[in-house]
Amino acid sequence: MKLERNNDEKLQTAYAAAKADIANLLGWFDCELAKDPPAPTWSRAGSLESTRSWLIDALSVLSGHSPEAIADSLAESRIDTEPQA
């Protein structure tokens, strides 16, 4: 029983730490995106596109939704926010 309780405590600690770290990383992303960068460059655009791809993959792992479904949802949200002519 002690081994099982110890394992459960380690599991709870690992889960809480990972969850807190993810929340802090998301806050860090918000801070980075809020910065006023110098004029956009293709290098910076490429870095942001790569980061978006990694985040889609990470969200897919956590949510169980396919990367394609997540990408489609993002594309739809961009269409919804574009000014209508």
PDB file of N, CA and C in Angstrom:
ATOM      1  N   MET A   1       0.810  -1.195   0.000  1.00  0.00           N
ATOM      2  CA  MET A   1       0.000   0.000   0.000  1.00  0.00           C
ATOM      3  C   MET A   1       0.858   1.267   0.000  1.00  0.00           C
ATOM      4  N   LYS A   2       1.968   1.249   0.765  1.00  0.00           N
ATOM      5  CA  LYS A   2       2.816   2.433   0.831  1.00  0.00           C
ATOM      6  C   LYS A   2       3.413   2.735  -0.538  1.00  0.00           C
ATOM      7  N   LEU A   3       3.844   1.710  -1.263  1.00  0.00           N
ATOM      8  CA  LEU A   3       4.412   1.895  -2.583  1.00  0.00           C
ATOM      9  C   LEU A   3       3.374   2.510  -3.529  1.00  0.00           C
ATOM     10  N   GLU A   4       2.147   2.028  -3.446  1.00  0.00           N
ATOM     11  CA  GLU A   4       1.079   2.555  -4.297  1.00  0.00           C
ATOM     12  C   GLU A   4       0.799   4.021  -3.970  1.00  0.00           C
ATOM     13  N   ARG A   5       0.761   4.361  -2.677  1.00  0.00           N
ATOM     14  CA  ARG A   5       0.505   5.746  -2.274  1.00  0.00           C
ATOM     15  C   ARG A   5       1.660   6.645  -2.716  1.00  0.00           C
ATOM     16  N   ASN A   6       2.885   6.168  -2.580  1.00  0.00           N
ATOM     17  CA  ASN A   6       4.053   6.936  -2.987  1.00  0.00           C
ATOM     18  C   ASN A   6       4.021   7.181  -4.495  1.00  0.00           C
ATOM     19  N   ASN A   7       3.642   6.157  -5.252  1.00  0.00           N
ATOM     20  CA  ASN A   7       3.558   6.292  -6.698  1.00  0.00           C
ATOM     21  C   ASN A   7       2.458   7.294  -7.070  1.00  0.00           C
ATOM     22  N   ASP A   8       1.327   7.246  -6.372  1.00  0.00           N
ATOM     23  CA  ASP A   8       0.233   8.168  -6.629  1.00  0.00           C
ATOM     24  C   ASP A   8       0.660   9.603  -6.318  1.00  0.00           C
ATOM     25  N   GLU A   9       1.408   9.786  -5.249  1.00  0.00           N
ATOM     26  CA  GLU A   9       1.898  11.122  -4.897  1.00  0.00           C
ATOM     27  C   GLU A   9       2.855  11.646  -5.976  1.00  0.00           C
ATOM     28  N   LYS A  10       3.725  10.784  -6.477  1.00  0.00           N
ATOM     29  CA  LYS A  10       4.646  11.186  -7.545  1.00  0.00           C
ATOM     30  C   LYS A  10       3.869  11.550  -8.807  1.00  0.00           C
ATOM     31  N   LEU A  11       2.844  10.765  -9.108  1.00  0.00           N
ATOM     32  CA  LEU A  11       2.016  11.045 -10.272  1.00  0.00           C
ATOM     33  C   LEU A  11       1.339  12.405 -10.124  1.00  0.00           C
ATOM     34  N   GLN A  12       0.744  12.667  -8.973  1.00  0.00           N
ATOM     35  CA  GLN A  12       0.058  13.937  -8.739  1.00  0.00           C
ATOM     36  C   GLN A  12       1.033  15.111  -8.818  1.00  0.00           C
ATOM     37  N   THR A  13       2.226  14.935  -8.270  1.00  0.00           N
ATOM     38  CA  THR A  13       3.242  15.984  -8.309  1.00  0.00           C
ATOM     39  C   THR A  13       3.692  16.248  -9.748  1.00  0.00           C
ATOM     40  N   ALA A  14       3.949  15.184 -10.502  1.00  0.00           N
ATOM     41  CA  ALA A  14       4.381  15.331 -11.896  1.00  0.00           C
ATOM     42  C   ALA A  14       3.287  15.999 -12.724  1.00  0.00           C
ATOM     43  N   TYR A  15       2.043  15.597 -12.517  1.00  0.00           N
ATOM     44  CA  TYR A  15       0.920  16.173 -13.262  1.00  0.00           C
ATOM     45  C   TYR A  15       0.771  17.662 -12.952  1.00  0.00           C
ATOM     46  N   ALA A  16       0.795  18.010 -11.680  1.00  0.00           N
ATOM     47  CA  ALA A  16       0.638  19.410 -11.273  1.00  0.00           C
ATOM     48  C   ALA A  16       1.788  20.272 -11.790  1.00  0.00           C
ATOM     49  N   ALA A  17       2.996  19.737 -11.733  1.00  0.00           N
ATOM     50  CA  ALA A  17       4.165  20.500 -12.207  1.00  0.00           C
ATOM     51  C   ALA A  17       4.078  20.742 -13.707  1.00  0.00           C
ATOM     52  N   ALA A  18       3.726  19.719 -14.460  1.00  0.00           N
ATOM     53  CA  ALA A  18       3.627  19.869 -15.917  1.00  0.00           C
ATOM     54  C   ALA A  18       2.520  20.853 -16.276  1.00  0.00           C
ATOM     55  N   LYS A  19       1.394  20.748 -15.594  1.00  0.00           N
ATOM     56  CA  LYS A  19       0.274  21.651 -15.863  1.00  0.00           C
ATOM     57  C   LYS A  19       0.649  23.100 -15.545  1.00  0.00           C
ATOM     58  N   ALA A  20       1.302  23.330 -14.434  1.00  0.00           N
ATOM     59  CA  ALA A  20       1.731  24.682 -14.060  1.00  0.00           C
ATOM     60  C   ALA A  20       2.773  25.211 -15.045  1.00  0.00           C
ATOM     61  N   ASP A  21       3.692  24.360 -15.459  1.00  0.00           N
ATOM     62  CA  ASP A  21       4.709  24.785 -16.427  1.00  0.00           C
ATOM     63  C   ASP A  21       4.067  25.163 -17.761  1.00  0.00           C
ATOM     64  N   ILE A  22       3.094  24.403 -18.207  1.00  0.00           N
ATOM     65  CA  ILE A  22       2.405  24.721 -19.461  1.00  0.00           C
ATOM     66  C   ILE A  22       1.709  26.070 -19.344  1.00  0.00           C
ATOM     67  N   ALA A  23       1.030  26.313 -18.242  1.00  0.00           N
ATOM     68  CA  ALA A  23       0.351  27.606 -18.036  1.00  0.00           C
ATOM     69  C   ALA A  23       1.365  28.750 -18.048  1.00  0.00           C
ATOM     70  N   ASN A  24       2.496  28.568 -17.405  1.00  0.00           N
ATOM     71  CA  ASN A  24       3.530  29.604 -17.396  1.00  0.00           C
ATOM     72  C   ASN A  24       4.126  29.819 -18.786  1.00  0.00           C
ATOM     73  N   LEU A  25       4.323  28.743 -19.529  1.00  0.00           N
ATOM     74  CA  LEU A  25       4.836  28.879 -20.894  1.00  0.00           C
ATOM     75  C   LEU A  25       3.848  29.629 -21.783  1.00  0.00           C
ATOM     76  N   LEU A  26       2.561  29.368 -21.612  1.00  0.00           N
ATOM     77  CA  LEU A  26       1.561  30.100 -22.396  1.00  0.00           C
ATOM     78  C   LEU A  26       1.587  31.590 -22.064  1.00  0.00           C
ATOM     79  N   GLY A  27       1.785  31.916 -20.810  1.00  0.00           N
ATOM     80  CA  GLY A  27       1.930  33.319 -20.417  1.00  0.00           C
ATOM     81  C   GLY A  27       3.164  33.947 -21.048  1.00  0.00           C
ATOM     82  N   TRP A  28       4.214  33.179 -21.102  1.00  0.00           N
ATOM     83  CA  TRP A  28       5.446  33.662 -21.719  1.00  0.00           C
ATOM     84  C   TRP A  28       5.221  33.916 -23.215  1.00  0.00           C
ATOM     85  N   PHE A  29       4.496  33.015 -23.874  1.00  0.00           N
ATOM     86  CA  PHE A  29       4.144  33.227 -25.280  1.00  0.00           C
ATOM     87  C   PHE A  29       3.372  34.530 -25.444  1.00  0.00           C
ATOM     88  N   ASP A  30       2.404  34.775 -24.566  1.00  0.00           N
ATOM     89  CA  ASP A  30       1.639  36.026 -24.629  1.00  0.00           C
ATOM     90  C   ASP A  30       2.556  37.235 -24.546  1.00  0.00           C
ATOM     91  N   CYS A  31       3.503  37.195 -23.635  1.00  0.00           N
ATOM     92  CA  CYS A  31       4.446  38.315 -23.486  1.00  0.00           C
ATOM     93  C   CYS A  31       5.277  38.508 -24.749  1.00  0.00           C
ATOM     94  N   GLU A  32       5.768  37.423 -25.314  1.00  0.00           N
ATOM     95  CA  GLU A  32       6.589  37.521 -26.527  1.00  0.00           C
ATOM     96  C   GLU A  32       5.782  38.065 -27.699  1.00  0.00           C
ATOM     97  N   LEU A  33       4.536  37.620 -27.824  1.00  0.00           N
ATOM     98  CA  LEU A  33       3.706  38.083 -28.930  1.00  0.00           C
ATOM     99  C   LEU A  33       3.265  39.526 -28.757  1.00  0.00           C
ATOM    100  N   ALA A  34       3.235  40.009 -27.527  1.00  0.00           N
ATOM    101  CA  ALA A  34       2.821  41.385 -27.263  1.00  0.00           C
ATOM    102  C   ALA A  34       3.938  42.394 -27.534  1.00  0.00           C
ATOM    103  N   LYS A  35       5.165  41.932 -27.630  1.00  0.00           N
ATOM    104  CA  LYS A  35       6.280  42.836 -27.884  1.00  0.00           C
ATOM    105  C   LYS A  35       6.137  43.460 -29.267  1.00  0.00           C
ATOM    106  N   ASP A  36       6.593  44.695 -29.385  1.00  0.00           N
ATOM    107  CA  ASP A  36       6.622  45.358 -30.686  1.00  0.00           C
ATOM    108  C   ASP A  36       7.943  45.037 -31.365  1.00  0.00           C
ATOM    109  N   PRO A  37       7.916  44.065 -32.289  1.00  0.00           N
ATOM    110  CA  PRO A  37       9.172  43.711 -32.959  1.00  0.00           C
ATOM    111  C   PRO A  37       9.518  44.761 -34.003  1.00  0.00           C
ATOM    112  N   PRO A  38      10.770  44.745 -34.434  1.00  0.00           N
ATOM    113  CA  PRO A  38      11.114  45.597 -35.563  1.00  0.00           C
ATOM    114  C   PRO A  38      10.297  45.145 -36.777  1.00  0.00           C
ATOM    115  N   ALA A  39      10.479  45.806 -37.873  1.00  0.00           N
ATOM    116  CA  ALA A  39       9.728  45.461 -39.087  1.00  0.00           C
ATOM    117  C   ALA A  39       9.777  43.949 -39.322  1.00  0.00           C
ATOM    118  N   PRO A  40       8.642  43.363 -39.711  1.00  0.00           N
ATOM    119  CA  PRO A  40       8.625  41.918 -39.960  1.00  0.00           C
ATOM    120  C   PRO A  40       9.631  41.520 -41.035  1.00  0.00           C
ATOM    121  N   THR A  41      10.197  40.347 -40.845  1.00  0.00           N
ATOM    122  CA  THR A  41      11.105  39.781 -41.840  1.00  0.00           C
ATOM    123  C   THR A  41      10.607  38.377 -42.172  1.00  0.00           C
ATOM    124  N   TRP A  42      11.072  37.844 -43.296  1.00  0.00           N
ATOM    125  CA  TRP A  42      10.683  36.474 -43.646  1.00  0.00           C
ATOM    126  C   TRP A  42      11.219  35.477 -42.630  1.00  0.00           C
ATOM    127  N   SER A  43      12.364  35.773 -42.054  1.00  0.00           N
ATOM    128  CA  SER A  43      12.920  34.896 -41.027  1.00  0.00           C
ATOM    129  C   SER A  43      11.997  34.830 -39.813  1.00  0.00           C
ATOM    130  N   ARG A  44      11.530  35.985 -39.370  1.00  0.00           N
ATOM    131  CA  ARG A  44      10.622  36.043 -38.213  1.00  0.00           C
ATOM    132  C   ARG A  44       9.293  35.365 -38.547  1.00  0.00           C
ATOM    133  N   ALA A  45       8.794  35.613 -39.759  1.00  0.00           N
ATOM    134  CA  ALA A  45       7.543  34.969 -40.178  1.00  0.00           C
ATOM    135  C   ALA A  45       7.710  33.447 -40.183  1.00  0.00           C
ATOM    136  N   GLY A  46       8.846  32.972 -40.668  1.00  0.00           N
ATOM    137  CA  GLY A  46       9.112  31.531 -40.670  1.00  0.00           C
ATOM    138  C   GLY A  46       9.178  30.960 -39.267  1.00  0.00           C
ATOM    139  N   SER A  47       9.792  31.704 -38.352  1.00  0.00           N
ATOM    140  CA  SER A  47       9.866  31.252 -36.959  1.00  0.00           C
ATOM    141  C   SER A  47       8.469  31.152 -36.345  1.00  0.00           C
ATOM    142  N   LEU A  48       7.626  32.153 -36.626  1.00  0.00           N
ATOM    143  CA  LEU A  48       6.260  32.120 -36.101  1.00  0.00           C
ATOM    144  C   LEU A  48       5.447  30.980 -36.716  1.00  0.00           C
ATOM    145  N   GLU A  49       5.641  30.729 -38.012  1.00  0.00           N
ATOM    146  CA  GLU A  49       4.931  29.627 -38.658  1.00  0.00           C
ATOM    147  C   GLU A  49       5.364  28.279 -38.081  1.00  0.00           C
ATOM    148  N   SER A  50       6.656  28.120 -37.816  1.00  0.00           N
ATOM    149  CA  SER A  50       7.145  26.879 -37.194  1.00  0.00           C
ATOM    150  C   SER A  50       6.569  26.721 -35.796  1.00  0.00           C
ATOM    151  N   THR A  51       6.558  27.803 -35.038  1.00  0.00           N
ATOM    152  CA  THR A  51       6.013  27.755 -33.683  1.00  0.00           C
ATOM    153  C   THR A  51       4.539  27.386 -33.721  1.00  0.00           C
ATOM    154  N   ARG A  52       3.789  27.983 -34.649  1.00  0.00           N
ATOM    155  CA  ARG A  52       2.364  27.645 -34.784  1.00  0.00           C
ATOM    156  C   ARG A  52       2.204  26.147 -35.050  1.00  0.00           C
ATOM    157  N   SER A  53       3.017  25.596 -35.932  1.00  0.00           N
ATOM    158  CA  SER A  53       2.937  24.171 -36.250  1.00  0.00           C
ATOM    159  C   SER A  53       3.210  23.301 -35.018  1.00  0.00           C
ATOM    160  N   TRP A  54       4.217  23.672 -34.238  1.00  0.00           N
ATOM    161  CA  TRP A  54       4.539  22.918 -33.017  1.00  0.00           C
ATOM    162  C   TRP A  54       3.394  23.006 -32.009  1.00  0.00           C
ATOM    163  N   LEU A  55       2.795  24.182 -31.905  1.00  0.00           N
ATOM    164  CA  LEU A  55       1.682  24.344 -30.964  1.00  0.00           C
ATOM    165  C   LEU A  55       0.458  23.548 -31.411  1.00  0.00           C
ATOM    166  N   ILE A  56       0.209  23.505 -32.714  1.00  0.00           N
ATOM    167  CA  ILE A  56      -0.889  22.676 -33.221  1.00  0.00           C
ATOM    168  C   ILE A  56      -0.647  21.218 -32.867  1.00  0.00           C
ATOM    169  N   ASP A  57       0.579  20.746 -33.056  1.00  0.00           N
ATOM    170  CA  ASP A  57       0.909  19.361 -32.717  1.00  0.00           C
ATOM    171  C   ASP A  57       0.742  19.102 -31.220  1.00  0.00           C
ATOM    172  N   ALA A  58       1.189  20.045 -30.397  1.00  0.00           N
ATOM    173  CA  ALA A  58       1.065  19.878 -28.945  1.00  0.00           C
ATOM    174  C   ALA A  58      -0.404  19.855 -28.533  1.00  0.00           C
ATOM    175  N   LEU A  59      -1.204  20.743 -29.094  1.00  0.00           N
ATOM    176  CA  LEU A  59      -2.622  20.769 -28.764  1.00  0.00           C
ATOM    177  C   LEU A  59      -3.309  19.489 -29.227  1.00  0.00           C
ATOM    178  N   SER A  60      -2.880  18.963 -30.350  1.00  0.00           N
ATOM    179  CA  SER A  60      -3.428  17.706 -30.838  1.00  0.00           C
ATOM    180  C   SER A  60      -3.187  16.572 -29.838  1.00  0.00           C
ATOM    181  N   VAL A  61      -1.993  16.533 -29.286  1.00  0.00           N
ATOM    182  CA  VAL A  61      -1.663  15.500 -28.290  1.00  0.00           C
ATOM    183  C   VAL A  61      -2.543  15.643 -27.050  1.00  0.00           C
ATOM    184  N   LEU A  62      -2.706  16.879 -26.580  1.00  0.00           N
ATOM    185  CA  LEU A  62      -3.492  17.102 -25.360  1.00  0.00           C
ATOM    186  C   LEU A  62      -4.993  16.922 -25.569  1.00  0.00           C
ATOM    187  N   SER A  63      -5.496  17.352 -26.721  1.00  0.00           N
ATOM    188  CA  SER A  63      -6.942  17.381 -26.934  1.00  0.00           C
ATOM    189  C   SER A  63      -7.509  16.132 -27.595  1.00  0.00           C
ATOM    190  N   GLY A  64      -6.663  15.430 -28.331  1.00  0.00           N
ATOM    191  CA  GLY A  64      -7.158  14.285 -29.087  1.00  0.00           C
ATOM    192  C   GLY A  64      -7.725  14.670 -30.445  1.00  0.00           C
ATOM    193  N   HIS A  65      -7.743  15.966 -30.762  1.00  0.00           N
ATOM    194  CA  HIS A  65      -8.188  16.417 -32.080  1.00  0.00           C
ATOM    195  C   HIS A  65      -7.012  16.315 -33.052  1.00  0.00           C
ATOM    196  N   SER A  66      -7.317  16.075 -34.304  1.00  0.00           N
ATOM    197  CA  SER A  66      -6.248  15.958 -35.289  1.00  0.00           C
ATOM    198  C   SER A  66      -5.624  17.325 -35.555  1.00  0.00           C
ATOM    199  N   PRO A  67      -4.355  17.338 -35.929  1.00  0.00           N
ATOM    200  CA  PRO A  67      -3.729  18.607 -36.312  1.00  0.00           C
ATOM    201  C   PRO A  67      -4.495  19.304 -37.443  1.00  0.00           C
ATOM    202  N   GLU A  68      -5.032  18.516 -38.355  1.00  0.00           N
ATOM    203  CA  GLU A  68      -5.787  19.093 -39.473  1.00  0.00           C
ATOM    204  C   GLU A  68      -7.038  19.809 -38.976  1.00  0.00           C
ATOM    205  N   ALA A  69      -7.755  19.195 -38.023  1.00  0.00           N
ATOM    206  CA  ALA A  69      -8.968  19.817 -37.484  1.00  0.00           C
ATOM    207  C   ALA A  69      -8.631  21.119 -36.766  1.00  0.00           C
ATOM    208  N   ILE A  70      -7.531  21.126 -36.040  1.00  0.00           N
ATOM    209  CA  ILE A  70      -7.104  22.341 -35.334  1.00  0.00           C
ATOM    210  C   ILE A  70      -6.719  23.422 -36.344  1.00  0.00           C
ATOM    211  N   ALA A  71      -5.967  23.047 -37.371  1.00  0.00           N
ATOM    212  CA  ALA A  71      -5.574  24.010 -38.404  1.00  0.00           C
ATOM    213  C   ALA A  71      -6.802  24.561 -39.126  1.00  0.00           C
ATOM    214  N   ASP A  72      -7.780  23.702 -39.395  1.00  0.00           N
ATOM    215  CA  ASP A  72      -9.016  24.162 -40.037  1.00  0.00           C
ATOM    216  C   ASP A  72      -9.748  25.167 -39.154  1.00  0.00           C
ATOM    217  N   SER A  73      -9.785  24.889 -37.858  1.00  0.00           N
ATOM    218  CA  SER A  73     -10.444  25.801 -36.919  1.00  0.00           C
ATOM    219  C   SER A  73      -9.737  27.162 -36.893  1.00  0.00           C
ATOM    220  N   LEU A  74      -8.416  27.138 -36.925  1.00  0.00           N
ATOM    221  CA  LEU A  74      -7.659  28.393 -36.971  1.00  0.00           C
ATOM    222  C   LEU A  74      -7.972  29.166 -38.250  1.00  0.00           C
ATOM    223  N   ALA A  75      -8.012  28.456 -39.366  1.00  0.00           N
ATOM    224  CA  ALA A  75      -8.304  29.111 -40.648  1.00  0.00           C
ATOM    225  C   ALA A  75      -9.699  29.731 -40.622  1.00  0.00           C
ATOM    226  N   GLU A  76     -10.662  29.020 -40.052  1.00  0.00           N
ATOM    227  CA  GLU A  76     -12.022  29.556 -39.945  1.00  0.00           C
ATOM    228  C   GLU A  76     -12.054  30.795 -39.067  1.00  0.00           C
ATOM    229  N   SER A  77     -11.287  30.813 -37.996  1.00  0.00           N
ATOM    230  CA  SER A  77     -11.288  31.978 -37.107  1.00  0.00           C
ATOM    231  C   SER A  77     -10.672  33.183 -37.803  1.00  0.00           C
ATOM    232  N   ARG A  78      -9.703  32.949 -38.681  1.00  0.00           N
ATOM    233  CA  ARG A  78      -9.126  34.061 -39.437  1.00  0.00           C
ATOM    234  C   ARG A  78     -10.145  34.608 -40.427  1.00  0.00           C
ATOM    235  N   ILE A  79     -10.920  33.738 -41.065  1.00  0.00           N
ATOM    236  CA  ILE A  79     -11.954  34.168 -42.008  1.00  0.00           C
ATOM    237  C   ILE A  79     -13.008  34.998 -41.264  1.00  0.00           C
ATOM    238  N   ASP A  80     -13.391  34.546 -40.065  1.00  0.00           N
ATOM    239  CA  ASP A  80     -14.417  35.226 -39.284  1.00  0.00           C
ATOM    240  C   ASP A  80     -13.987  36.623 -38.851  1.00  0.00           C
ATOM    241  N   THR A  81     -12.686  36.867 -38.739  1.00  0.00           N
ATOM    242  CA  THR A  81     -12.216  38.182 -38.270  1.00  0.00           C
ATOM    243  C   THR A  81     -11.799  39.094 -39.406  1.00  0.00           C
ATOM    244  N   GLU A  82     -11.822  38.599 -40.639  1.00  0.00           N
ATOM    245  CA  GLU A  82     -11.458  39.457 -41.767  1.00  0.00           C
ATOM    246  C   GLU A  82     -12.590  40.445 -42.036  1.00  0.00           C
ATOM    247  N   PRO A  83     -12.251  41.687 -42.377  1.00  0.00           N
ATOM    248  CA  PRO A  83     -13.289  42.668 -42.683  1.00  0.00           C
ATOM    249  C   PRO A  83     -14.110  42.238 -43.897  1.00  0.00           C
ATOM    250  N   GLN A  84     -15.397  42.440 -43.808  1.00  0.00           N
ATOM    251  CA  GLN A  84     -16.288  42.099 -44.913  1.00  0.00           C
ATOM    252  C   GLN A  84     -16.379  43.274 -45.890  1.00  0.00           C
ATOM    253  N   ALA A  85     -16.345  42.974 -47.177  1.00  0.00           N
ATOM    254  CA  ALA A  85     -16.405  44.033 -48.198  1.00  0.00           C
ATOM    255  C   ALA A  85     -17.836  44.433 -48.478  1.00  0.00           C
TER     256      ALA A  85
END
